[in-house]
Amino acid sequence: MPGFAQTGKDNFVTVQPAGQWLTSQFMGQLVTNDAGENIGSISDLLLDKSGRIANVVIGVGGFLGIGEKVVALPYTALSITADPDGKRVVKVAASKEQLKAAPDFKATEKTGYMRAKEQATEMGQKAVDKAKELKDKAARKIEDMRAEPKGN
């Protein structure tokens, strides 16, 4: 690799530098707004060619990934602070409604996790649809049974 001395131990980072964060710690990080409302969670980070975080992908709404809307915002739209206990707090100056109304984010490259999540979401939706269908069948059956003359 050009500009990299393989034998120089000074070229390796041995301890996480102050002011630098592990991206793995951002995955699933809750995002709140200025009113303190939980508006979603970080599902991915988009890096530019220099390796800097350019955009943040946030999952908004839904339950366990079902019905979740995915939007992306510039990383600079985030405010990252710490609460009194030192826990990271990520805020964005937007309401949940504004993010739900924002255009959907579409990734052009898919990880195995993303493909699995899409399949799980589809399977979850099919299960919900099937449960509704069975509930409706059961309700019709009960109505039919109630409508039958008694004593037969």
N, C-alpha and C. Protein backbone atom coordinates (compact mmCIF):
# COMPACT_ATOMS: atom_id res chain seq x y z
N MET A 1 0.85 -1.18 0.00
CA MET A 1 0.00 0.00 0.00
C MET A 1 0.89 1.23 0.00
N PRO A 2 0.64 2.15 -0.90
CA PRO A 2 1.46 3.35 -0.95
C PRO A 2 1.31 4.18 0.32
N GLY A 3 2.42 4.68 0.83
CA GLY A 3 2.39 5.56 2.00
C GLY A 3 2.19 4.82 3.31
N PHE A 4 2.29 3.51 3.30
CA PHE A 4 2.06 2.74 4.52
C PHE A 4 3.30 1.90 4.80
N ALA A 5 3.94 2.19 5.90
CA ALA A 5 5.13 1.44 6.30
C ALA A 5 4.68 0.25 7.13
N GLN A 6 4.82 -0.94 6.58
CA GLN A 6 4.32 -2.13 7.24
C GLN A 6 5.01 -2.42 8.57
N THR A 7 6.23 -1.99 8.72
CA THR A 7 6.95 -2.32 9.94
C THR A 7 6.80 -1.28 11.03
N GLY A 8 6.29 -0.11 10.72
CA GLY A 8 6.18 0.96 11.72
C GLY A 8 4.96 0.78 12.60
N LYS A 9 5.17 0.50 13.90
CA LYS A 9 4.04 0.29 14.79
C LYS A 9 3.25 1.57 15.03
N ASP A 10 3.81 2.73 14.69
CA ASP A 10 3.10 3.99 14.84
C ASP A 10 1.96 4.13 13.84
N ASN A 11 1.91 3.26 12.84
CA ASN A 11 0.86 3.33 11.83
C ASN A 11 -0.43 2.66 12.28
N PHE A 12 -0.44 2.01 13.43
CA PHE A 12 -1.61 1.29 13.89
C PHE A 12 -2.26 2.02 15.06
N VAL A 13 -3.58 2.01 15.07
CA VAL A 13 -4.34 2.60 16.17
C VAL A 13 -4.58 1.49 17.18
N THR A 14 -4.16 1.70 18.40
CA THR A 14 -4.30 0.65 19.41
C THR A 14 -5.41 0.93 20.42
N VAL A 15 -5.85 2.17 20.51
CA VAL A 15 -6.91 2.55 21.42
C VAL A 15 -7.83 3.53 20.69
N GLN A 16 -9.11 3.38 20.91
CA GLN A 16 -10.08 4.27 20.27
C GLN A 16 -9.79 5.72 20.69
N PRO A 17 -9.52 6.59 19.70
CA PRO A 17 -9.22 7.99 20.03
C PRO A 17 -10.43 8.73 20.60
N ALA A 18 -10.18 9.65 21.49
CA ALA A 18 -11.25 10.50 22.04
C ALA A 18 -11.88 11.27 20.89
N GLY A 19 -13.18 11.41 20.93
CA GLY A 19 -13.89 12.15 19.89
C GLY A 19 -14.19 11.32 18.65
N GLN A 20 -13.85 10.03 18.65
CA GLN A 20 -14.20 9.15 17.55
C GLN A 20 -15.13 8.07 18.09
N TRP A 21 -16.13 7.71 17.28
CA TRP A 21 -17.14 6.75 17.71
C TRP A 21 -17.14 5.53 16.81
N LEU A 22 -17.46 4.39 17.37
CA LEU A 22 -17.63 3.17 16.60
C LEU A 22 -18.97 3.24 15.87
N THR A 23 -18.96 2.99 14.57
CA THR A 23 -20.24 3.03 13.83
C THR A 23 -21.19 1.97 14.34
N SER A 24 -20.67 0.85 14.82
CA SER A 24 -21.55 -0.21 15.34
C SER A 24 -22.40 0.30 16.50
N GLN A 25 -21.91 1.28 17.22
CA GLN A 25 -22.67 1.83 18.34
C GLN A 25 -23.84 2.71 17.88
N PHE A 26 -23.81 3.13 16.61
CA PHE A 26 -24.89 3.96 16.08
C PHE A 26 -26.06 3.12 15.55
N MET A 27 -25.79 1.87 15.17
CA MET A 27 -26.85 1.03 14.63
C MET A 27 -27.88 0.75 15.72
N GLY A 28 -29.11 1.11 15.45
CA GLY A 28 -30.18 0.94 16.44
C GLY A 28 -30.31 2.08 17.42
N GLN A 29 -29.40 3.06 17.34
CA GLN A 29 -29.44 4.22 18.24
C GLN A 29 -30.76 4.95 18.07
N LEU A 30 -31.45 5.19 19.17
CA LEU A 30 -32.71 5.94 19.11
C LEU A 30 -32.43 7.37 18.69
N VAL A 31 -33.35 7.92 17.93
CA VAL A 31 -33.27 9.32 17.50
C VAL A 31 -34.49 10.03 18.05
N THR A 32 -34.26 11.15 18.71
CA THR A 32 -35.35 11.93 19.28
C THR A 32 -35.39 13.28 18.58
N ASN A 33 -36.45 14.03 18.87
CA ASN A 33 -36.51 15.41 18.36
C ASN A 33 -36.37 16.36 19.53
N ASP A 34 -36.46 17.64 19.25
CA ASP A 34 -36.26 18.64 20.29
C ASP A 34 -37.32 18.56 21.40
N ALA A 35 -38.49 17.98 21.07
CA ALA A 35 -39.55 17.83 22.07
C ALA A 35 -39.33 16.57 22.92
N GLY A 36 -38.28 15.81 22.64
CA GLY A 36 -37.98 14.61 23.40
C GLY A 36 -38.72 13.37 22.92
N GLU A 37 -39.45 13.49 21.80
CA GLU A 37 -40.18 12.35 21.25
C GLU A 37 -39.21 11.40 20.56
N ASN A 38 -39.42 10.11 20.75
CA ASN A 38 -38.65 9.09 20.04
C ASN A 38 -39.22 9.02 18.62
N ILE A 39 -38.40 9.37 17.62
CA ILE A 39 -38.94 9.41 16.26
C ILE A 39 -38.42 8.30 15.36
N GLY A 40 -37.50 7.49 15.84
CA GLY A 40 -36.99 6.39 15.04
C GLY A 40 -35.64 5.94 15.55
N SER A 41 -34.96 5.15 14.71
CA SER A 41 -33.63 4.69 15.09
C SER A 41 -32.74 4.62 13.86
N ILE A 42 -31.45 4.75 14.09
CA ILE A 42 -30.48 4.73 13.00
C ILE A 42 -30.34 3.29 12.50
N SER A 43 -30.52 3.13 11.20
CA SER A 43 -30.39 1.79 10.62
C SER A 43 -29.14 1.66 9.76
N ASP A 44 -28.56 2.78 9.34
CA ASP A 44 -27.33 2.71 8.55
C ASP A 44 -26.68 4.08 8.45
N LEU A 45 -25.42 4.06 8.03
CA LEU A 45 -24.66 5.29 7.79
C LEU A 45 -24.09 5.21 6.38
N LEU A 46 -24.12 6.31 5.66
CA LEU A 46 -23.56 6.37 4.31
C LEU A 46 -22.24 7.13 4.37
N LEU A 47 -21.18 6.49 3.93
CA LEU A 47 -19.86 7.11 3.92
C LEU A 47 -19.54 7.66 2.55
N ASP A 48 -18.83 8.80 2.50
CA ASP A 48 -18.36 9.30 1.21
C ASP A 48 -17.00 8.64 0.92
N LYS A 49 -16.41 8.97 -0.22
CA LYS A 49 -15.17 8.32 -0.64
C LYS A 49 -14.01 8.60 0.30
N SER A 50 -14.08 9.67 1.06
CA SER A 50 -13.00 9.97 2.00
C SER A 50 -13.18 9.21 3.32
N GLY A 51 -14.31 8.50 3.46
CA GLY A 51 -14.56 7.75 4.68
C GLY A 51 -15.34 8.51 5.72
N ARG A 52 -15.77 9.69 5.40
CA ARG A 52 -16.56 10.49 6.35
C ARG A 52 -18.04 10.15 6.22
N ILE A 53 -18.75 10.24 7.33
CA ILE A 53 -20.19 9.99 7.30
C ILE A 53 -20.86 11.16 6.58
N ALA A 54 -21.56 10.84 5.49
CA ALA A 54 -22.23 11.86 4.71
C ALA A 54 -23.72 11.94 5.06
N ASN A 55 -24.35 10.78 5.22
CA ASN A 55 -25.79 10.72 5.48
C ASN A 55 -26.08 9.65 6.51
N VAL A 56 -27.22 9.80 7.17
CA VAL A 56 -27.66 8.82 8.15
C VAL A 56 -29.04 8.32 7.72
N VAL A 57 -29.23 7.01 7.80
CA VAL A 57 -30.49 6.38 7.42
C VAL A 57 -31.24 6.07 8.71
N ILE A 58 -32.49 6.52 8.77
CA ILE A 58 -33.31 6.38 9.97
C ILE A 58 -34.57 5.61 9.63
N GLY A 59 -34.87 4.60 10.45
CA GLY A 59 -36.14 3.87 10.34
C GLY A 59 -37.16 4.56 11.21
N VAL A 60 -38.31 4.89 10.63
CA VAL A 60 -39.34 5.65 11.33
C VAL A 60 -40.63 4.83 11.36
N GLY A 61 -41.24 4.77 12.53
CA GLY A 61 -42.54 4.09 12.66
C GLY A 61 -42.41 2.59 12.54
N GLY A 62 -43.53 1.94 12.44
CA GLY A 62 -43.55 0.49 12.31
C GLY A 62 -43.33 -0.19 13.64
N PHE A 63 -43.38 -1.52 13.59
CA PHE A 63 -43.17 -2.33 14.78
C PHE A 63 -42.36 -3.54 14.36
N LEU A 64 -41.20 -3.73 14.97
CA LEU A 64 -40.30 -4.83 14.64
C LEU A 64 -39.99 -4.89 13.15
N GLY A 65 -39.85 -3.72 12.54
CA GLY A 65 -39.49 -3.65 11.12
C GLY A 65 -40.67 -3.69 10.18
N ILE A 66 -41.86 -4.08 10.67
CA ILE A 66 -43.04 -4.14 9.81
C ILE A 66 -43.67 -2.76 9.76
N GLY A 67 -43.86 -2.25 8.57
CA GLY A 67 -44.46 -0.94 8.39
C GLY A 67 -43.49 0.21 8.61
N GLU A 68 -42.21 -0.11 8.77
CA GLU A 68 -41.21 0.93 9.01
C GLU A 68 -40.89 1.65 7.71
N LYS A 69 -40.81 2.96 7.80
CA LYS A 69 -40.40 3.79 6.67
C LYS A 69 -38.93 4.14 6.88
N VAL A 70 -38.17 4.12 5.81
CA VAL A 70 -36.74 4.42 5.90
C VAL A 70 -36.46 5.72 5.14
N VAL A 71 -35.86 6.68 5.85
CA VAL A 71 -35.51 7.97 5.25
C VAL A 71 -34.03 8.23 5.52
N ALA A 72 -33.44 9.10 4.72
CA ALA A 72 -32.04 9.47 4.92
C ALA A 72 -31.94 10.98 5.04
N LEU A 73 -31.07 11.41 5.94
CA LEU A 73 -30.82 12.83 6.17
C LEU A 73 -29.32 13.07 6.14
N PRO A 74 -28.92 14.29 5.82
CA PRO A 74 -27.49 14.59 5.95
C PRO A 74 -27.04 14.40 7.40
N TYR A 75 -25.86 13.88 7.58
CA TYR A 75 -25.33 13.67 8.92
C TYR A 75 -25.31 14.98 9.71
N THR A 76 -25.10 16.09 9.00
CA THR A 76 -25.05 17.39 9.66
C THR A 76 -26.40 17.80 10.24
N ALA A 77 -27.49 17.10 9.87
CA ALA A 77 -28.82 17.40 10.42
C ALA A 77 -28.95 16.86 11.85
N LEU A 78 -28.01 16.00 12.27
CA LEU A 78 -28.06 15.43 13.60
C LEU A 78 -27.36 16.32 14.61
N SER A 79 -27.86 16.26 15.82
CA SER A 79 -27.21 16.89 16.96
C SER A 79 -26.87 15.75 17.90
N ILE A 80 -25.59 15.58 18.20
CA ILE A 80 -25.17 14.47 19.06
C ILE A 80 -24.58 15.04 20.34
N THR A 81 -25.23 14.69 21.45
CA THR A 81 -24.80 15.16 22.76
C THR A 81 -24.79 13.97 23.72
N ALA A 82 -24.64 14.25 24.97
CA ALA A 82 -24.71 13.21 26.01
C ALA A 82 -25.68 13.66 27.09
N ASP A 83 -26.39 12.70 27.66
CA ASP A 83 -27.28 13.03 28.78
C ASP A 83 -26.44 13.12 30.05
N PRO A 84 -27.04 13.48 31.19
CA PRO A 84 -26.26 13.62 32.43
C PRO A 84 -25.49 12.35 32.84
N ASP A 85 -25.95 11.18 32.38
CA ASP A 85 -25.26 9.93 32.70
C ASP A 85 -24.17 9.58 31.69
N GLY A 86 -23.98 10.45 30.70
CA GLY A 86 -22.95 10.21 29.69
C GLY A 86 -23.42 9.38 28.51
N LYS A 87 -24.71 9.02 28.48
CA LYS A 87 -25.25 8.22 27.38
C LYS A 87 -25.47 9.11 26.16
N ARG A 88 -25.08 8.60 24.98
CA ARG A 88 -25.22 9.37 23.74
C ARG A 88 -26.68 9.65 23.44
N VAL A 89 -26.97 10.90 23.05
CA VAL A 89 -28.30 11.33 22.66
C VAL A 89 -28.20 11.89 21.25
N VAL A 90 -28.99 11.32 20.33
CA VAL A 90 -29.01 11.77 18.94
C VAL A 90 -30.36 12.44 18.69
N LYS A 91 -30.29 13.70 18.26
CA LYS A 91 -31.51 14.46 17.98
C LYS A 91 -31.50 14.96 16.55
N VAL A 92 -32.69 15.16 16.03
CA VAL A 92 -32.88 15.79 14.73
C VAL A 92 -34.03 16.77 14.88
N ALA A 93 -33.93 17.90 14.22
CA ALA A 93 -34.95 18.95 14.34
C ALA A 93 -36.09 18.65 13.36
N ALA A 94 -36.79 17.55 13.58
CA ALA A 94 -37.92 17.17 12.74
C ALA A 94 -38.89 16.36 13.59
N SER A 95 -40.15 16.40 13.22
CA SER A 95 -41.14 15.60 13.92
C SER A 95 -41.25 14.24 13.24
N LYS A 96 -41.84 13.29 13.94
CA LYS A 96 -42.07 11.97 13.36
C LYS A 96 -42.94 12.10 12.11
N GLU A 97 -43.91 13.00 12.15
CA GLU A 97 -44.80 13.21 11.01
C GLU A 97 -44.02 13.73 9.80
N GLN A 98 -43.07 14.65 10.03
CA GLN A 98 -42.25 15.17 8.93
C GLN A 98 -41.42 14.06 8.30
N LEU A 99 -40.86 13.19 9.14
CA LEU A 99 -40.05 12.10 8.61
C LEU A 99 -40.92 11.06 7.90
N LYS A 100 -42.12 10.80 8.42
CA LYS A 100 -43.02 9.87 7.74
C LYS A 100 -43.46 10.42 6.38
N ALA A 101 -43.53 11.74 6.26
CA ALA A 101 -43.94 12.37 5.00
C ALA A 101 -42.76 12.54 4.03
N ALA A 102 -41.54 12.33 4.52
CA ALA A 102 -40.34 12.50 3.68
C ALA A 102 -40.27 11.40 2.63
N PRO A 103 -39.55 11.64 1.54
CA PRO A 103 -39.40 10.60 0.52
C PRO A 103 -38.65 9.39 1.09
N ASP A 104 -39.04 8.20 0.62
CA ASP A 104 -38.37 6.96 1.04
C ASP A 104 -36.93 6.94 0.56
N PHE A 105 -36.07 6.34 1.37
CA PHE A 105 -34.68 6.13 0.97
C PHE A 105 -34.57 4.74 0.36
N LYS A 106 -33.91 4.64 -0.78
CA LYS A 106 -33.68 3.36 -1.44
C LYS A 106 -32.18 3.14 -1.57
N ALA A 107 -31.69 2.09 -0.96
CA ALA A 107 -30.27 1.74 -1.07
C ALA A 107 -30.04 1.10 -2.44
N THR A 108 -28.91 1.40 -3.05
CA THR A 108 -28.58 0.78 -4.33
C THR A 108 -27.73 -0.47 -4.15
N GLU A 109 -27.17 -0.66 -2.96
CA GLU A 109 -26.46 -1.90 -2.67
C GLU A 109 -27.11 -2.52 -1.45
N LYS A 110 -27.28 -3.82 -1.48
CA LYS A 110 -27.98 -4.51 -0.40
C LYS A 110 -27.03 -5.47 0.31
N THR A 111 -27.07 -5.41 1.62
CA THR A 111 -26.31 -6.36 2.43
C THR A 111 -27.18 -7.59 2.66
N GLY A 112 -26.58 -8.65 3.14
CA GLY A 112 -27.34 -9.84 3.49
C GLY A 112 -28.39 -9.52 4.53
N TYR A 113 -28.03 -8.66 5.47
CA TYR A 113 -28.97 -8.24 6.51
C TYR A 113 -30.17 -7.52 5.89
N MET A 114 -29.91 -6.62 4.93
CA MET A 114 -31.00 -5.88 4.31
C MET A 114 -31.94 -6.82 3.55
N ARG A 115 -31.36 -7.79 2.82
CA ARG A 115 -32.19 -8.75 2.10
C ARG A 115 -33.01 -9.59 3.08
N ALA A 116 -32.39 -10.03 4.17
CA ALA A 116 -33.11 -10.82 5.17
C ALA A 116 -34.22 -9.99 5.81
N LYS A 117 -33.93 -8.72 6.09
CA LYS A 117 -34.94 -7.85 6.70
C LYS A 117 -36.13 -7.66 5.75
N GLU A 118 -35.84 -7.47 4.46
CA GLU A 118 -36.92 -7.32 3.48
C GLU A 118 -37.77 -8.59 3.43
N GLN A 119 -37.11 -9.75 3.42
CA GLN A 119 -37.85 -11.01 3.40
C GLN A 119 -38.67 -11.19 4.67
N ALA A 120 -38.09 -10.84 5.81
CA ALA A 120 -38.81 -10.96 7.08
C ALA A 120 -40.01 -10.02 7.10
N THR A 121 -39.85 -8.83 6.57
CA THR A 121 -40.96 -7.88 6.50
C THR A 121 -42.07 -8.42 5.62
N GLU A 122 -41.70 -8.98 4.47
CA GLU A 122 -42.70 -9.56 3.57
C GLU A 122 -43.42 -10.73 4.24
N MET A 123 -42.65 -11.59 4.91
CA MET A 123 -43.24 -12.74 5.58
C MET A 123 -44.15 -12.28 6.72
N GLY A 124 -43.73 -11.27 7.46
CA GLY A 124 -44.54 -10.72 8.54
C GLY A 124 -45.85 -10.16 8.02
N GLN A 125 -45.78 -9.46 6.89
CA GLN A 125 -47.00 -8.89 6.30
C GLN A 125 -47.93 -9.99 5.82
N LYS A 126 -47.36 -11.04 5.23
CA LYS A 126 -48.18 -12.18 4.79
C LYS A 126 -48.85 -12.84 5.99
N ALA A 127 -48.13 -12.96 7.11
CA ALA A 127 -48.70 -13.56 8.32
C ALA A 127 -49.84 -12.70 8.86
N VAL A 128 -49.66 -11.39 8.84
CA VAL A 128 -50.72 -10.48 9.29
C VAL A 128 -51.94 -10.62 8.38
N ASP A 129 -51.71 -10.66 7.06
CA ASP A 129 -52.81 -10.81 6.11
C ASP A 129 -53.54 -12.13 6.32
N LYS A 130 -52.79 -13.21 6.53
CA LYS A 130 -53.39 -14.54 6.75
C LYS A 130 -54.18 -14.54 8.05
N ALA A 131 -53.66 -13.91 9.09
CA ALA A 131 -54.37 -13.85 10.37
C ALA A 131 -55.71 -13.11 10.20
N LYS A 132 -55.71 -12.03 9.43
CA LYS A 132 -56.95 -11.29 9.18
C LYS A 132 -57.94 -12.16 8.42
N GLU A 133 -57.43 -12.89 7.42
CA GLU A 133 -58.28 -13.78 6.63
C GLU A 133 -58.92 -14.85 7.52
N LEU A 134 -58.12 -15.48 8.39
CA LEU A 134 -58.63 -16.51 9.28
C LEU A 134 -59.62 -15.93 10.28
N LYS A 135 -59.36 -14.73 10.76
CA LYS A 135 -60.29 -14.07 11.69
C LYS A 135 -61.63 -13.84 11.01
N ASP A 136 -61.57 -13.36 9.76
CA ASP A 136 -62.81 -13.12 9.02
C ASP A 136 -63.58 -14.42 8.78
N LYS A 137 -62.86 -15.51 8.45
CA LYS A 137 -63.51 -16.81 8.24
C LYS A 137 -64.17 -17.29 9.53
N ALA A 138 -63.45 -17.13 10.64
CA ALA A 138 -64.00 -17.55 11.92
C ALA A 138 -65.25 -16.74 12.27
N ALA A 139 -65.21 -15.45 12.01
CA ALA A 139 -66.37 -14.59 12.30
C ALA A 139 -67.56 -15.00 11.45
N ARG A 140 -67.32 -15.32 10.16
CA ARG A 140 -68.42 -15.76 9.29
C ARG A 140 -68.98 -17.10 9.78
N LYS A 141 -68.12 -18.01 10.20
CA LYS A 141 -68.54 -19.31 10.69
C LYS A 141 -69.40 -19.15 11.94
N ILE A 142 -68.98 -18.28 12.84
CA ILE A 142 -69.77 -18.03 14.05
C ILE A 142 -71.13 -17.46 13.70
N GLU A 143 -71.17 -16.52 12.75
CA GLU A 143 -72.45 -15.93 12.32
C GLU A 143 -73.33 -17.01 11.70
N ASP A 144 -72.75 -17.89 10.88
CA ASP A 144 -73.52 -18.98 10.27
C ASP A 144 -74.10 -19.90 11.34
N MET A 145 -73.28 -20.21 12.34
CA MET A 145 -73.74 -21.09 13.41
C MET A 145 -74.87 -20.45 14.21
N ARG A 146 -74.77 -19.15 14.43
CA ARG A 146 -75.81 -18.43 15.17
C ARG A 146 -77.10 -18.35 14.37
N ALA A 147 -76.97 -18.31 13.04
CA ALA A 147 -78.14 -18.18 12.17
C ALA A 147 -78.87 -19.51 11.98
N GLU A 148 -78.21 -20.65 12.27
CA GLU A 148 -78.86 -21.96 12.12
C GLU A 148 -79.96 -22.10 13.15
N PRO A 149 -81.06 -22.74 12.73
CA PRO A 149 -82.15 -22.95 13.69
C PRO A 149 -81.70 -23.86 14.81
N LYS A 150 -82.14 -23.59 15.99
CA LYS A 150 -81.79 -24.37 17.18
C LYS A 150 -82.59 -25.67 17.19
N GLY A 151 -81.98 -26.69 17.79
CA GLY A 151 -82.67 -27.96 17.96
C GLY A 151 -82.44 -28.93 16.81
N ASN A 152 -81.65 -28.60 15.84
CA ASN A 152 -81.38 -29.54 14.74
C ASN A 152 -80.20 -30.39 15.04
